[in-house]
Amino acid sequence: MEVHVYPVYCINCGTYHTFELIYEEAIWRTAEHIPLKYYEVEAHCDHCGREVYVPFVNDLNVEHRERLHEKFGGGADGTY
């Protein structure tokens, strides 16, 4: 796990706290009949432990899904 020193706002605590990155269990998707496994990253408040929104973490997850979509294709609506 990785602890970040700059604070983000935690809705649960109602104030700013540092956060750590949590690498979630694998998520399975199927693309072109090929099963894919990838990991999503979440940011959790160091004070209460609940998930917090961190823009770059969201961007990482979106970028990863887009790369998988480009590599293995997907439906017209962007689904795997």
N, C-alpha and C. Protein backbone atom coordinates (compact mmCIF):
# COMPACT_ATOMS: atom_id res chain seq x y z
N MET A 1 0.84 -1.18 0.00
CA MET A 1 0.00 0.00 0.00
C MET A 1 0.89 1.24 0.00
N GLU A 2 0.33 2.27 -0.51
CA GLU A 2 1.08 3.49 -0.73
C GLU A 2 0.36 4.66 -0.05
N VAL A 3 1.04 5.36 0.83
CA VAL A 3 0.42 6.50 1.52
C VAL A 3 0.86 7.78 0.85
N HIS A 4 -0.10 8.67 0.60
CA HIS A 4 0.19 9.94 -0.05
C HIS A 4 0.12 11.06 0.99
N VAL A 5 1.04 12.00 0.88
CA VAL A 5 1.15 13.05 1.90
C VAL A 5 0.24 14.24 1.66
N TYR A 6 -0.26 14.42 0.45
CA TYR A 6 -1.15 15.56 0.25
C TYR A 6 -2.58 15.14 0.60
N PRO A 7 -3.32 16.03 1.23
CA PRO A 7 -4.66 15.68 1.69
C PRO A 7 -5.72 15.80 0.60
N VAL A 8 -6.74 14.99 0.76
CA VAL A 8 -7.94 15.07 -0.07
C VAL A 8 -9.13 15.14 0.88
N TYR A 9 -10.25 15.65 0.38
CA TYR A 9 -11.42 15.79 1.23
C TYR A 9 -12.13 14.46 1.40
N CYS A 10 -12.38 14.09 2.63
CA CYS A 10 -13.13 12.87 2.95
C CYS A 10 -14.55 13.28 3.35
N ILE A 11 -15.53 12.82 2.59
CA ILE A 11 -16.93 13.15 2.87
C ILE A 11 -17.35 12.58 4.21
N ASN A 12 -16.87 11.39 4.53
CA ASN A 12 -17.26 10.76 5.79
C ASN A 12 -16.73 11.53 7.00
N CYS A 13 -15.47 11.97 6.96
CA CYS A 13 -14.86 12.70 8.08
C CYS A 13 -15.25 14.18 8.09
N GLY A 14 -15.58 14.71 6.91
CA GLY A 14 -15.92 16.12 6.80
C GLY A 14 -14.71 17.04 6.84
N THR A 15 -13.53 16.51 6.54
CA THR A 15 -12.31 17.31 6.54
C THR A 15 -11.28 16.66 5.61
N TYR A 16 -10.13 17.28 5.51
CA TYR A 16 -9.08 16.78 4.63
C TYR A 16 -8.16 15.83 5.38
N HIS A 17 -7.81 14.73 4.73
CA HIS A 17 -6.88 13.75 5.29
C HIS A 17 -6.01 13.19 4.16
N THR A 18 -4.88 12.61 4.52
CA THR A 18 -4.08 11.90 3.53
C THR A 18 -4.80 10.60 3.19
N PHE A 19 -4.33 9.92 2.18
CA PHE A 19 -5.00 8.70 1.74
C PHE A 19 -3.98 7.66 1.35
N GLU A 20 -4.43 6.42 1.24
CA GLU A 20 -3.57 5.36 0.73
C GLU A 20 -4.27 4.68 -0.44
N LEU A 21 -3.45 4.14 -1.33
CA LEU A 21 -3.99 3.44 -2.48
C LEU A 21 -4.18 1.98 -2.13
N ILE A 22 -5.33 1.46 -2.49
CA ILE A 22 -5.67 0.06 -2.26
C ILE A 22 -5.87 -0.58 -3.62
N TYR A 23 -5.17 -1.66 -3.88
CA TYR A 23 -5.31 -2.38 -5.13
C TYR A 23 -6.36 -3.46 -4.91
N GLU A 24 -7.52 -3.25 -5.50
CA GLU A 24 -8.65 -4.14 -5.30
C GLU A 24 -8.44 -5.49 -5.96
N GLU A 25 -9.25 -6.44 -5.55
CA GLU A 25 -9.20 -7.76 -6.15
C GLU A 25 -9.52 -7.66 -7.64
N ALA A 26 -9.13 -8.67 -8.34
CA ALA A 26 -9.27 -8.68 -9.79
C ALA A 26 -10.73 -8.57 -10.21
N ILE A 27 -10.94 -7.84 -11.28
CA ILE A 27 -12.26 -7.71 -11.90
C ILE A 27 -12.18 -8.47 -13.22
N TRP A 28 -13.13 -9.33 -13.46
CA TRP A 28 -13.13 -10.12 -14.69
C TRP A 28 -14.10 -9.52 -15.69
N ARG A 29 -13.65 -9.40 -16.93
CA ARG A 29 -14.49 -8.96 -18.05
C ARG A 29 -14.22 -9.91 -19.21
N THR A 30 -15.12 -9.94 -20.16
CA THR A 30 -14.91 -10.74 -21.36
C THR A 30 -14.91 -9.81 -22.56
N ALA A 31 -13.86 -9.90 -23.38
CA ALA A 31 -13.76 -9.10 -24.60
C ALA A 31 -13.48 -10.04 -25.76
N GLU A 32 -14.36 -10.02 -26.73
CA GLU A 32 -14.20 -10.89 -27.90
C GLU A 32 -14.01 -12.34 -27.46
N HIS A 33 -14.80 -12.77 -26.50
CA HIS A 33 -14.76 -14.12 -25.95
C HIS A 33 -13.44 -14.46 -25.25
N ILE A 34 -12.67 -13.44 -24.89
CA ILE A 34 -11.42 -13.64 -24.17
C ILE A 34 -11.61 -13.10 -22.76
N PRO A 35 -11.47 -13.96 -21.75
CA PRO A 35 -11.60 -13.45 -20.38
C PRO A 35 -10.39 -12.59 -20.01
N LEU A 36 -10.66 -11.42 -19.46
CA LEU A 36 -9.60 -10.50 -19.04
C LEU A 36 -9.70 -10.28 -17.54
N LYS A 37 -8.55 -10.18 -16.91
CA LYS A 37 -8.52 -9.89 -15.48
C LYS A 37 -7.69 -8.63 -15.29
N TYR A 38 -8.24 -7.67 -14.57
CA TYR A 38 -7.46 -6.47 -14.27
C TYR A 38 -7.82 -5.99 -12.88
N TYR A 39 -6.97 -5.14 -12.35
CA TYR A 39 -7.13 -4.65 -10.99
C TYR A 39 -7.49 -3.17 -11.02
N GLU A 40 -8.46 -2.81 -10.21
CA GLU A 40 -8.78 -1.40 -10.05
C GLU A 40 -8.12 -0.89 -8.79
N VAL A 41 -7.85 0.40 -8.79
CA VAL A 41 -7.20 1.04 -7.66
C VAL A 41 -8.23 1.93 -6.97
N GLU A 42 -8.25 1.90 -5.64
CA GLU A 42 -9.12 2.79 -4.87
C GLU A 42 -8.26 3.58 -3.91
N ALA A 43 -8.72 4.77 -3.56
CA ALA A 43 -8.06 5.60 -2.56
C ALA A 43 -8.91 5.56 -1.30
N HIS A 44 -8.27 5.30 -0.16
CA HIS A 44 -8.98 5.23 1.11
C HIS A 44 -8.40 6.23 2.10
N CYS A 45 -9.28 6.89 2.83
CA CYS A 45 -8.90 7.87 3.85
C CYS A 45 -8.04 7.21 4.92
N ASP A 46 -6.92 7.84 5.27
CA ASP A 46 -6.06 7.30 6.32
C ASP A 46 -6.69 7.39 7.70
N HIS A 47 -7.69 8.26 7.86
CA HIS A 47 -8.32 8.44 9.17
C HIS A 47 -9.45 7.44 9.41
N CYS A 48 -10.40 7.37 8.49
CA CYS A 48 -11.57 6.50 8.69
C CYS A 48 -11.53 5.22 7.87
N GLY A 49 -10.69 5.18 6.84
CA GLY A 49 -10.57 3.97 6.02
C GLY A 49 -11.58 3.85 4.89
N ARG A 50 -12.49 4.81 4.77
CA ARG A 50 -13.48 4.73 3.69
C ARG A 50 -12.91 5.29 2.39
N GLU A 51 -13.55 4.91 1.30
CA GLU A 51 -13.08 5.34 -0.02
C GLU A 51 -13.27 6.85 -0.19
N VAL A 52 -12.27 7.50 -0.78
CA VAL A 52 -12.33 8.92 -1.10
C VAL A 52 -12.09 9.09 -2.59
N TYR A 53 -12.58 10.19 -3.14
CA TYR A 53 -12.39 10.47 -4.56
C TYR A 53 -11.07 11.21 -4.75
N VAL A 54 -10.23 10.63 -5.61
CA VAL A 54 -8.97 11.26 -6.01
C VAL A 54 -8.94 11.21 -7.53
N PRO A 55 -8.95 12.38 -8.18
CA PRO A 55 -9.07 12.40 -9.64
C PRO A 55 -8.06 11.51 -10.38
N PHE A 56 -6.79 11.52 -9.97
CA PHE A 56 -5.83 10.73 -10.74
C PHE A 56 -6.06 9.23 -10.59
N VAL A 57 -6.65 8.80 -9.48
CA VAL A 57 -6.97 7.38 -9.31
C VAL A 57 -8.09 6.99 -10.26
N ASN A 58 -9.10 7.82 -10.35
CA ASN A 58 -10.18 7.59 -11.30
C ASN A 58 -9.62 7.55 -12.73
N ASP A 59 -8.75 8.49 -13.06
CA ASP A 59 -8.15 8.53 -14.39
C ASP A 59 -7.36 7.26 -14.70
N LEU A 60 -6.62 6.74 -13.71
CA LEU A 60 -5.87 5.49 -13.91
C LEU A 60 -6.79 4.34 -14.28
N ASN A 61 -7.89 4.21 -13.55
CA ASN A 61 -8.82 3.12 -13.82
C ASN A 61 -9.48 3.26 -15.19
N VAL A 62 -9.85 4.48 -15.55
CA VAL A 62 -10.46 4.71 -16.86
C VAL A 62 -9.46 4.41 -17.96
N GLU A 63 -8.23 4.87 -17.80
CA GLU A 63 -7.19 4.63 -18.80
C GLU A 63 -6.93 3.14 -18.99
N HIS A 64 -6.91 2.41 -17.90
CA HIS A 64 -6.68 0.97 -17.98
C HIS A 64 -7.80 0.28 -18.75
N ARG A 65 -9.05 0.61 -18.43
CA ARG A 65 -10.17 0.01 -19.16
C ARG A 65 -10.15 0.39 -20.63
N GLU A 66 -9.78 1.64 -20.95
CA GLU A 66 -9.73 2.06 -22.35
C GLU A 66 -8.65 1.30 -23.12
N ARG A 67 -7.49 1.09 -22.48
CA ARG A 67 -6.43 0.32 -23.14
C ARG A 67 -6.87 -1.11 -23.42
N LEU A 68 -7.57 -1.71 -22.46
CA LEU A 68 -8.08 -3.07 -22.68
C LEU A 68 -9.08 -3.07 -23.83
N HIS A 69 -9.93 -2.06 -23.87
CA HIS A 69 -10.94 -1.97 -24.94
C HIS A 69 -10.26 -1.84 -26.29
N GLU A 70 -9.24 -0.99 -26.39
CA GLU A 70 -8.52 -0.81 -27.66
C GLU A 70 -7.81 -2.10 -28.08
N LYS A 71 -7.24 -2.79 -27.12
CA LYS A 71 -6.47 -4.00 -27.43
C LYS A 71 -7.35 -5.17 -27.84
N PHE A 72 -8.47 -5.33 -27.14
CA PHE A 72 -9.30 -6.51 -27.37
C PHE A 72 -10.64 -6.23 -28.01
N GLY A 73 -10.98 -4.96 -28.25
CA GLY A 73 -12.23 -4.62 -28.90
C GLY A 73 -13.38 -4.57 -27.92
N GLY A 74 -14.53 -4.26 -28.42
CA GLY A 74 -15.72 -4.18 -27.58
C GLY A 74 -16.94 -3.90 -28.42
N GLY A 75 -18.07 -3.84 -27.77
CA GLY A 75 -19.30 -3.58 -28.47
C GLY A 75 -19.41 -2.14 -28.93
N ALA A 76 -20.40 -1.87 -29.75
CA ALA A 76 -20.59 -0.52 -30.29
C ALA A 76 -20.88 0.49 -29.17
N ASP A 77 -21.44 -0.01 -28.08
CA ASP A 77 -21.75 0.89 -26.96
C ASP A 77 -20.59 1.01 -25.98
N GLY A 78 -19.43 0.41 -26.31
CA GLY A 78 -18.24 0.52 -25.47
C GLY A 78 -18.15 -0.53 -24.38
N THR A 79 -19.06 -1.52 -24.40
CA THR A 79 -18.99 -2.56 -23.39
C THR A 79 -18.03 -3.66 -23.84
N TYR A 80 -17.57 -4.44 -22.88
CA TYR A 80 -16.66 -5.54 -23.19
C TYR A 80 -17.43 -6.76 -23.58
